[in-house]
Amino acid sequence: MSLESVRAFLRAYAPDIEIIETGESSSTVALAAEAHGVEPAQIAKTICLRVGQQVMLVVAGGTARLDNRKFKDTFGTKGRMLDAEEVAAVTSHPVGGVCPFGLPSPLPIYCDISLKRFDEVVPAAGSTNSAVRIETGRLAELTGASWVDVCQ
C-alpha cells in the first residue's frame, strides 16, 4: 500500500513526476545509486527520528551522517532513530523505501543542506525498489520541508 500512497500523492501534487521501479532492490544507498546511475551522495535518504514525543523526517544526502551536536543545537535535544516496525507504522513505508511522500498523517519534514549541492536528487518512493528523480528545491517545496544543517 505504501507505493500506492506515494502514487496518489504524486498524482495529486506533482503529476509530472514519474515513479521509477527497478527489478531489483534499491533499498540501500549503494544499491539505489547503482540502480539509478547517480553517485551515492545524490540519493536522498529519509531518516525517521523521535525528538521527545514528536516524530520527524530528515531527508539527507546518501553519504551524509547525522551530527549529534548539530542536531542538538538545532532541535534542543538528541534525536532517537525509530526501529523498522515504528518507521512502517508512522510512515506506511518499509525501511529502504521511506520517503517524505504519501504519509498517512503529516509529520515535520526537514531537508539537510547536504542535498543542496545537487540540482536533482533521488529519494525512494514507498517501496524497496522504487524512487523518483526530483529537483532538490522542489523536493523541499513539495513536502513543506524546512532546510537544516544537521549532518556531517
N, C-alpha and C. Protein backbone atom coordinates (compact mmCIF):
# COMPACT_ATOMS: atom_id res chain seq x y z
N MET A 1 0.82 -1.20 0.00
CA MET A 1 0.00 0.00 0.00
C MET A 1 0.86 1.26 0.00
N SER A 2 2.06 1.16 0.51
CA SER A 2 2.93 2.32 0.62
C SER A 2 3.24 2.95 -0.74
N LEU A 3 3.62 2.13 -1.70
CA LEU A 3 3.89 2.62 -3.04
C LEU A 3 2.65 3.30 -3.60
N GLU A 4 1.49 2.74 -3.32
CA GLU A 4 0.23 3.33 -3.80
C GLU A 4 -0.03 4.68 -3.16
N SER A 5 0.33 4.86 -1.89
CA SER A 5 0.13 6.16 -1.25
C SER A 5 1.04 7.21 -1.87
N VAL A 6 2.23 6.82 -2.27
CA VAL A 6 3.14 7.74 -2.96
C VAL A 6 2.58 8.07 -4.34
N ARG A 7 2.09 7.07 -5.05
CA ARG A 7 1.46 7.31 -6.37
C ARG A 7 0.32 8.32 -6.24
N ALA A 8 -0.53 8.13 -5.24
CA ALA A 8 -1.68 9.02 -5.04
C ALA A 8 -1.20 10.44 -4.71
N PHE A 9 -0.17 10.54 -3.87
CA PHE A 9 0.37 11.85 -3.52
C PHE A 9 0.91 12.57 -4.76
N LEU A 10 1.70 11.85 -5.55
CA LEU A 10 2.28 12.48 -6.75
C LEU A 10 1.21 12.81 -7.79
N ARG A 11 0.21 11.96 -7.93
CA ARG A 11 -0.90 12.28 -8.86
C ARG A 11 -1.57 13.59 -8.46
N ALA A 12 -1.75 13.78 -7.16
CA ALA A 12 -2.44 14.97 -6.66
C ALA A 12 -1.58 16.22 -6.70
N TYR A 13 -0.29 16.11 -6.38
CA TYR A 13 0.54 17.30 -6.18
C TYR A 13 1.66 17.50 -7.20
N ALA A 14 2.03 16.45 -7.90
CA ALA A 14 3.13 16.55 -8.87
C ALA A 14 2.94 15.48 -9.96
N PRO A 15 1.88 15.61 -10.75
CA PRO A 15 1.59 14.57 -11.74
C PRO A 15 2.68 14.40 -12.81
N ASP A 16 3.58 15.36 -12.91
CA ASP A 16 4.66 15.25 -13.89
C ASP A 16 5.82 14.37 -13.41
N ILE A 17 5.84 14.02 -12.14
CA ILE A 17 6.92 13.19 -11.61
C ILE A 17 6.53 11.72 -11.71
N GLU A 18 7.40 10.95 -12.35
CA GLU A 18 7.14 9.53 -12.54
C GLU A 18 7.90 8.71 -11.51
N ILE A 19 7.26 7.67 -11.04
CA ILE A 19 7.93 6.73 -10.15
C ILE A 19 8.71 5.75 -11.01
N ILE A 20 9.95 5.53 -10.64
CA ILE A 20 10.83 4.59 -11.34
C ILE A 20 10.89 3.33 -10.50
N GLU A 21 10.45 2.22 -11.06
CA GLU A 21 10.53 0.93 -10.36
C GLU A 21 11.63 0.10 -11.00
N THR A 22 12.48 -0.48 -10.16
CA THR A 22 13.58 -1.31 -10.65
C THR A 22 13.24 -2.77 -10.38
N GLY A 23 13.84 -3.64 -11.16
CA GLY A 23 13.60 -5.07 -11.00
C GLY A 23 14.25 -5.62 -9.74
N GLU A 24 15.31 -4.95 -9.29
CA GLU A 24 16.00 -5.40 -8.09
C GLU A 24 15.86 -4.36 -6.99
N SER A 25 16.26 -4.74 -5.81
CA SER A 25 16.15 -3.85 -4.65
C SER A 25 17.05 -2.63 -4.82
N SER A 26 16.54 -1.50 -4.37
CA SER A 26 17.33 -0.27 -4.29
C SER A 26 17.19 0.26 -2.86
N SER A 27 17.17 -0.68 -1.90
CA SER A 27 16.86 -0.35 -0.52
C SER A 27 18.01 0.23 0.29
N THR A 28 19.22 0.21 -0.27
CA THR A 28 20.34 0.86 0.41
C THR A 28 20.85 1.97 -0.49
N VAL A 29 21.61 2.87 0.07
CA VAL A 29 22.16 3.98 -0.71
C VAL A 29 23.00 3.43 -1.87
N ALA A 30 23.85 2.45 -1.60
CA ALA A 30 24.70 1.90 -2.65
C ALA A 30 23.88 1.25 -3.77
N LEU A 31 22.89 0.45 -3.40
CA LEU A 31 22.05 -0.19 -4.41
C LEU A 31 21.25 0.83 -5.21
N ALA A 32 20.73 1.84 -4.53
CA ALA A 32 19.94 2.88 -5.21
C ALA A 32 20.82 3.68 -6.17
N ALA A 33 22.02 4.03 -5.74
CA ALA A 33 22.93 4.78 -6.61
C ALA A 33 23.26 3.98 -7.87
N GLU A 34 23.51 2.70 -7.69
CA GLU A 34 23.81 1.84 -8.84
C GLU A 34 22.60 1.71 -9.76
N ALA A 35 21.43 1.48 -9.17
CA ALA A 35 20.21 1.30 -9.97
C ALA A 35 19.84 2.54 -10.77
N HIS A 36 20.14 3.72 -10.22
CA HIS A 36 19.71 4.96 -10.87
C HIS A 36 20.85 5.74 -11.52
N GLY A 37 22.04 5.17 -11.51
CA GLY A 37 23.17 5.76 -12.21
C GLY A 37 23.60 7.11 -11.67
N VAL A 38 23.56 7.26 -10.35
CA VAL A 38 23.99 8.52 -9.72
C VAL A 38 25.01 8.18 -8.64
N GLU A 39 25.71 9.20 -8.15
CA GLU A 39 26.64 8.96 -7.05
C GLU A 39 25.85 8.79 -5.75
N PRO A 40 26.37 8.02 -4.81
CA PRO A 40 25.65 7.76 -3.57
C PRO A 40 25.16 9.02 -2.84
N ALA A 41 25.94 10.09 -2.86
CA ALA A 41 25.54 11.31 -2.16
C ALA A 41 24.26 11.91 -2.74
N GLN A 42 23.94 11.59 -3.99
CA GLN A 42 22.76 12.15 -4.66
C GLN A 42 21.47 11.41 -4.29
N ILE A 43 21.60 10.27 -3.64
CA ILE A 43 20.42 9.56 -3.13
C ILE A 43 19.91 10.35 -1.92
N ALA A 44 18.64 10.68 -1.91
CA ALA A 44 18.06 11.42 -0.79
C ALA A 44 17.45 10.43 0.19
N LYS A 45 18.23 10.10 1.22
CA LYS A 45 17.74 9.12 2.20
C LYS A 45 16.87 9.84 3.24
N THR A 46 15.84 9.15 3.68
CA THR A 46 14.91 9.71 4.65
C THR A 46 15.10 9.00 5.98
N ILE A 47 15.43 9.76 6.99
CA ILE A 47 15.69 9.24 8.33
C ILE A 47 14.51 9.60 9.22
N CYS A 48 13.98 8.63 9.92
CA CYS A 48 12.82 8.82 10.79
C CYS A 48 13.31 8.87 12.24
N LEU A 49 13.05 10.00 12.91
CA LEU A 49 13.55 10.22 14.26
C LEU A 49 12.45 10.64 15.21
N ARG A 50 12.66 10.32 16.48
CA ARG A 50 11.77 10.80 17.54
C ARG A 50 12.56 11.81 18.37
N VAL A 51 11.96 12.97 18.57
CA VAL A 51 12.53 14.01 19.41
C VAL A 51 11.47 14.29 20.47
N GLY A 52 11.71 13.80 21.68
CA GLY A 52 10.67 13.88 22.70
C GLY A 52 9.50 13.01 22.26
N GLN A 53 8.31 13.60 22.20
CA GLN A 53 7.12 12.86 21.75
C GLN A 53 6.87 13.05 20.25
N GLN A 54 7.64 13.91 19.60
CA GLN A 54 7.44 14.25 18.19
C GLN A 54 8.27 13.35 17.28
N VAL A 55 7.65 12.83 16.22
CA VAL A 55 8.37 12.09 15.19
C VAL A 55 8.59 13.05 14.03
N MET A 56 9.78 13.00 13.44
CA MET A 56 10.11 13.86 12.30
C MET A 56 10.89 13.08 11.27
N LEU A 57 10.91 13.61 10.06
CA LEU A 57 11.72 13.04 8.99
C LEU A 57 12.82 14.02 8.63
N VAL A 58 14.03 13.51 8.46
CA VAL A 58 15.15 14.30 7.96
C VAL A 58 15.59 13.65 6.66
N VAL A 59 15.55 14.42 5.58
CA VAL A 59 15.98 13.93 4.28
C VAL A 59 17.39 14.48 4.06
N ALA A 60 18.34 13.58 3.81
CA ALA A 60 19.74 13.98 3.71
C ALA A 60 20.41 13.27 2.54
N GLY A 61 21.56 13.79 2.15
CA GLY A 61 22.35 13.15 1.11
C GLY A 61 22.74 11.74 1.53
N GLY A 62 22.83 10.84 0.58
CA GLY A 62 23.05 9.43 0.86
C GLY A 62 24.30 9.11 1.65
N THR A 63 25.33 9.92 1.54
CA THR A 63 26.57 9.65 2.28
C THR A 63 26.69 10.51 3.53
N ALA A 64 25.72 11.37 3.78
CA ALA A 64 25.75 12.24 4.97
C ALA A 64 25.39 11.43 6.22
N ARG A 65 25.95 11.82 7.34
CA ARG A 65 25.63 11.20 8.62
C ARG A 65 25.13 12.28 9.57
N LEU A 66 24.14 11.90 10.37
CA LEU A 66 23.66 12.85 11.36
C LEU A 66 24.81 13.24 12.28
N ASP A 67 24.89 14.50 12.59
CA ASP A 67 25.88 15.03 13.52
C ASP A 67 25.12 15.34 14.81
N ASN A 68 25.40 14.58 15.88
CA ASN A 68 24.64 14.73 17.12
C ASN A 68 24.70 16.15 17.67
N ARG A 69 25.84 16.80 17.60
CA ARG A 69 25.99 18.17 18.13
C ARG A 69 25.13 19.14 17.31
N LYS A 70 25.23 19.06 15.99
CA LYS A 70 24.43 19.95 15.14
C LYS A 70 22.93 19.70 15.35
N PHE A 71 22.56 18.42 15.47
CA PHE A 71 21.16 18.08 15.67
C PHE A 71 20.66 18.67 16.98
N LYS A 72 21.43 18.49 18.05
CA LYS A 72 21.03 19.01 19.36
C LYS A 72 20.98 20.53 19.34
N ASP A 73 21.94 21.17 18.67
CA ASP A 73 21.92 22.63 18.57
C ASP A 73 20.69 23.13 17.82
N THR A 74 20.25 22.38 16.83
CA THR A 74 19.09 22.77 16.01
C THR A 74 17.77 22.48 16.70
N PHE A 75 17.65 21.30 17.31
CA PHE A 75 16.36 20.86 17.86
C PHE A 75 16.29 20.85 19.39
N GLY A 76 17.39 21.19 20.06
CA GLY A 76 17.38 21.31 21.50
C GLY A 76 17.55 20.02 22.26
N THR A 77 17.62 18.91 21.57
CA THR A 77 17.79 17.61 22.22
C THR A 77 18.29 16.61 21.18
N LYS A 78 18.68 15.46 21.66
CA LYS A 78 19.15 14.41 20.77
C LYS A 78 17.95 13.69 20.16
N GLY A 79 18.07 13.29 18.92
CA GLY A 79 17.03 12.51 18.26
C GLY A 79 17.30 11.03 18.43
N ARG A 80 16.23 10.24 18.45
CA ARG A 80 16.37 8.78 18.54
C ARG A 80 15.78 8.18 17.27
N MET A 81 16.58 7.38 16.59
CA MET A 81 16.09 6.75 15.37
C MET A 81 15.04 5.70 15.71
N LEU A 82 13.99 5.65 14.92
CA LEU A 82 12.94 4.67 15.13
C LEU A 82 13.39 3.32 14.57
N ASP A 83 12.87 2.23 15.14
CA ASP A 83 13.19 0.92 14.58
C ASP A 83 12.28 0.66 13.37
N ALA A 84 12.55 -0.40 12.65
CA ALA A 84 11.85 -0.69 11.40
C ALA A 84 10.33 -0.78 11.57
N GLU A 85 9.90 -1.38 12.66
CA GLU A 85 8.47 -1.51 12.92
C GLU A 85 7.81 -0.15 13.15
N GLU A 86 8.48 0.69 13.94
CA GLU A 86 7.96 2.04 14.21
C GLU A 86 7.93 2.88 12.94
N VAL A 87 8.99 2.76 12.13
CA VAL A 87 9.06 3.51 10.87
C VAL A 87 7.87 3.15 9.98
N ALA A 88 7.62 1.87 9.82
CA ALA A 88 6.50 1.42 8.98
C ALA A 88 5.16 1.90 9.54
N ALA A 89 5.01 1.88 10.86
CA ALA A 89 3.76 2.32 11.48
C ALA A 89 3.52 3.81 11.27
N VAL A 90 4.57 4.61 11.36
CA VAL A 90 4.44 6.06 11.26
C VAL A 90 4.37 6.55 9.82
N THR A 91 5.14 5.93 8.92
CA THR A 91 5.22 6.44 7.54
C THR A 91 4.42 5.62 6.54
N SER A 92 4.10 4.40 6.86
CA SER A 92 3.48 3.40 5.99
C SER A 92 4.48 2.85 4.97
N HIS A 93 5.74 3.28 5.05
CA HIS A 93 6.78 2.83 4.12
C HIS A 93 7.73 1.87 4.83
N PRO A 94 8.19 0.83 4.13
CA PRO A 94 9.18 -0.06 4.73
C PRO A 94 10.56 0.60 4.73
N VAL A 95 11.40 0.21 5.68
CA VAL A 95 12.78 0.68 5.67
C VAL A 95 13.38 0.31 4.32
N GLY A 96 14.07 1.24 3.71
CA GLY A 96 14.61 1.03 2.37
C GLY A 96 13.72 1.65 1.31
N GLY A 97 12.52 2.05 1.70
CA GLY A 97 11.59 2.70 0.79
C GLY A 97 10.99 3.96 1.40
N VAL A 98 11.51 4.34 2.57
CA VAL A 98 10.97 5.50 3.28
C VAL A 98 11.24 6.78 2.50
N CYS A 99 10.21 7.59 2.40
CA CYS A 99 10.31 8.87 1.70
C CYS A 99 9.34 9.86 2.34
N PRO A 100 9.44 11.13 2.01
CA PRO A 100 8.55 12.13 2.61
C PRO A 100 7.23 12.30 1.86
N PHE A 101 6.90 11.39 0.96
CA PHE A 101 5.67 11.47 0.17
C PHE A 101 4.66 10.44 0.64
N GLY A 102 3.38 10.74 0.53
CA GLY A 102 2.33 9.76 0.77
C GLY A 102 2.24 9.27 2.20
N LEU A 103 2.51 10.14 3.14
CA LEU A 103 2.45 9.76 4.56
C LEU A 103 1.01 9.68 5.03
N PRO A 104 0.70 8.77 5.96
CA PRO A 104 -0.68 8.65 6.44
C PRO A 104 -1.15 9.86 7.23
N SER A 105 -0.22 10.56 7.88
CA SER A 105 -0.56 11.80 8.57
C SER A 105 0.65 12.73 8.50
N PRO A 106 0.41 14.03 8.58
CA PRO A 106 1.52 14.99 8.44
C PRO A 106 2.59 14.82 9.52
N LEU A 107 3.83 14.93 9.11
CA LEU A 107 4.98 14.93 10.01
C LEU A 107 5.86 16.12 9.67
N PRO A 108 6.58 16.66 10.64
CA PRO A 108 7.56 17.69 10.29
C PRO A 108 8.64 17.07 9.41
N ILE A 109 8.98 17.75 8.35
CA ILE A 109 9.98 17.25 7.41
C ILE A 109 11.07 18.30 7.27
N TYR A 110 12.31 17.84 7.33
CA TYR A 110 13.47 18.71 7.22
C TYR A 110 14.38 18.17 6.14
N CYS A 111 14.90 19.04 5.31
CA CYS A 111 15.90 18.66 4.32
C CYS A 111 17.25 19.20 4.79
N ASP A 112 18.22 18.31 4.87
CA ASP A 112 19.56 18.73 5.26
C ASP A 112 20.26 19.40 4.09
N ILE A 113 21.11 20.37 4.40
CA ILE A 113 21.80 21.10 3.34
C ILE A 113 22.75 20.23 2.53
N SER A 114 23.00 19.00 2.97
CA SER A 114 23.84 18.08 2.20
C SER A 114 23.23 17.78 0.83
N LEU A 115 21.94 18.04 0.66
CA LEU A 115 21.27 17.83 -0.63
C LEU A 115 21.49 18.99 -1.60
N LYS A 116 21.80 20.17 -1.07
CA LYS A 116 21.82 21.39 -1.89
C LYS A 116 22.88 21.42 -2.97
N ARG A 117 23.88 20.57 -2.87
CA ARG A 117 24.93 20.60 -3.91
C ARG A 117 24.48 19.95 -5.22
N PHE A 118 23.29 19.33 -5.20
CA PHE A 118 22.76 18.67 -6.39
C PHE A 118 21.54 19.41 -6.92
N ASP A 119 21.45 19.53 -8.24
CA ASP A 119 20.25 20.10 -8.85
C ASP A 119 19.08 19.13 -8.73
N GLU A 120 19.40 17.85 -8.80
CA GLU A 120 18.38 16.79 -8.77
C GLU A 120 18.83 15.71 -7.79
N VAL A 121 17.87 15.18 -7.02
CA VAL A 121 18.16 14.09 -6.09
C VAL A 121 17.21 12.93 -6.36
N VAL A 122 17.52 11.79 -5.76
CA VAL A 122 16.74 10.58 -6.00
C VAL A 122 16.30 9.97 -4.66
N PRO A 123 15.12 10.34 -4.18
CA PRO A 123 14.59 9.70 -2.98
C PRO A 123 13.81 8.43 -3.33
N ALA A 124 13.65 7.56 -2.36
CA ALA A 124 12.81 6.38 -2.53
C ALA A 124 11.37 6.83 -2.76
N ALA A 125 10.52 5.87 -3.12
CA ALA A 125 9.12 6.21 -3.41
C ALA A 125 8.15 5.22 -2.78
N GLY A 126 8.46 4.80 -1.54
CA GLY A 126 7.49 3.99 -0.82
C GLY A 126 7.68 2.50 -0.86
N SER A 127 8.64 2.02 -1.62
CA SER A 127 8.95 0.58 -1.63
C SER A 127 10.45 0.41 -1.80
N THR A 128 10.92 -0.79 -1.60
CA THR A 128 12.37 -1.03 -1.65
C THR A 128 12.93 -1.13 -3.07
N ASN A 129 12.08 -0.92 -4.05
CA ASN A 129 12.57 -0.93 -5.44
C ASN A 129 11.95 0.20 -6.26
N SER A 130 11.63 1.31 -5.59
CA SER A 130 11.07 2.45 -6.33
C SER A 130 11.71 3.75 -5.88
N ALA A 131 11.74 4.71 -6.78
CA ALA A 131 12.33 6.02 -6.50
C ALA A 131 11.76 7.04 -7.47
N VAL A 132 12.10 8.29 -7.24
CA VAL A 132 11.77 9.37 -8.17
C VAL A 132 13.01 10.23 -8.36
N ARG A 133 13.06 10.90 -9.48
CA ARG A 133 14.08 11.92 -9.71
C ARG A 133 13.36 13.25 -9.57
N ILE A 134 13.90 14.13 -8.72
CA ILE A 134 13.22 15.38 -8.44
C ILE A 134 14.25 16.48 -8.19
N GLU A 135 13.93 17.68 -8.66
CA GLU A 135 14.80 18.82 -8.39
C GLU A 135 14.85 19.03 -6.88
N THR A 136 16.02 19.33 -6.38
CA THR A 136 16.24 19.42 -4.94
C THR A 136 15.31 20.44 -4.28
N GLY A 137 15.22 21.62 -4.84
CA GLY A 137 14.34 22.65 -4.27
C GLY A 137 12.88 22.22 -4.30
N ARG A 138 12.51 21.52 -5.33
CA ARG A 138 11.12 21.07 -5.45
C ARG A 138 10.79 20.00 -4.41
N LEU A 139 11.75 19.17 -4.08
CA LEU A 139 11.55 18.18 -3.02
C LEU A 139 11.15 18.88 -1.72
N ALA A 140 11.90 19.90 -1.35
CA ALA A 140 11.59 20.64 -0.12
C ALA A 140 10.24 21.34 -0.23
N GLU A 141 9.99 21.96 -1.37
CA GLU A 141 8.74 22.69 -1.57
C GLU A 141 7.53 21.76 -1.54
N LEU A 142 7.62 20.66 -2.24
CA LEU A 142 6.51 19.72 -2.36
C LEU A 142 6.14 19.08 -1.02
N THR A 143 7.14 18.89 -0.16
CA THR A 143 6.90 18.24 1.12
C THR A 143 6.74 19.23 2.27
N GLY A 144 6.89 20.52 1.98
CA GLY A 144 6.78 21.52 3.03
C GLY A 144 7.96 21.47 4.00
N ALA A 145 9.10 20.99 3.52
CA ALA A 145 10.26 20.82 4.37
C ALA A 145 10.95 22.14 4.67
N SER A 146 11.57 22.19 5.82
CA SER A 146 12.44 23.30 6.20
C SER A 146 13.88 22.83 6.01
N TRP A 147 14.75 23.75 5.62
CA TRP A 147 16.16 23.42 5.46
C TRP A 147 16.88 23.51 6.79
N VAL A 148 17.73 22.51 7.07
CA VAL A 148 18.52 22.48 8.30
C VAL A 148 19.94 22.02 7.97
N ASP A 149 20.85 22.24 8.91
CA ASP A 149 22.22 21.76 8.80
C ASP A 149 22.48 20.85 9.99
N VAL A 150 22.17 19.55 9.84
CA VAL A 150 22.28 18.61 10.96
C VAL A 150 23.15 17.39 10.63
N CYS A 151 23.84 17.43 9.50
CA CYS A 151 24.67 16.29 9.11
C CYS A 151 26.13 16.69 8.97
N GLN A 152 26.99 15.68 9.01
CA GLN A 152 28.42 15.88 8.78
C GLN A 152 28.69 15.87 7.29
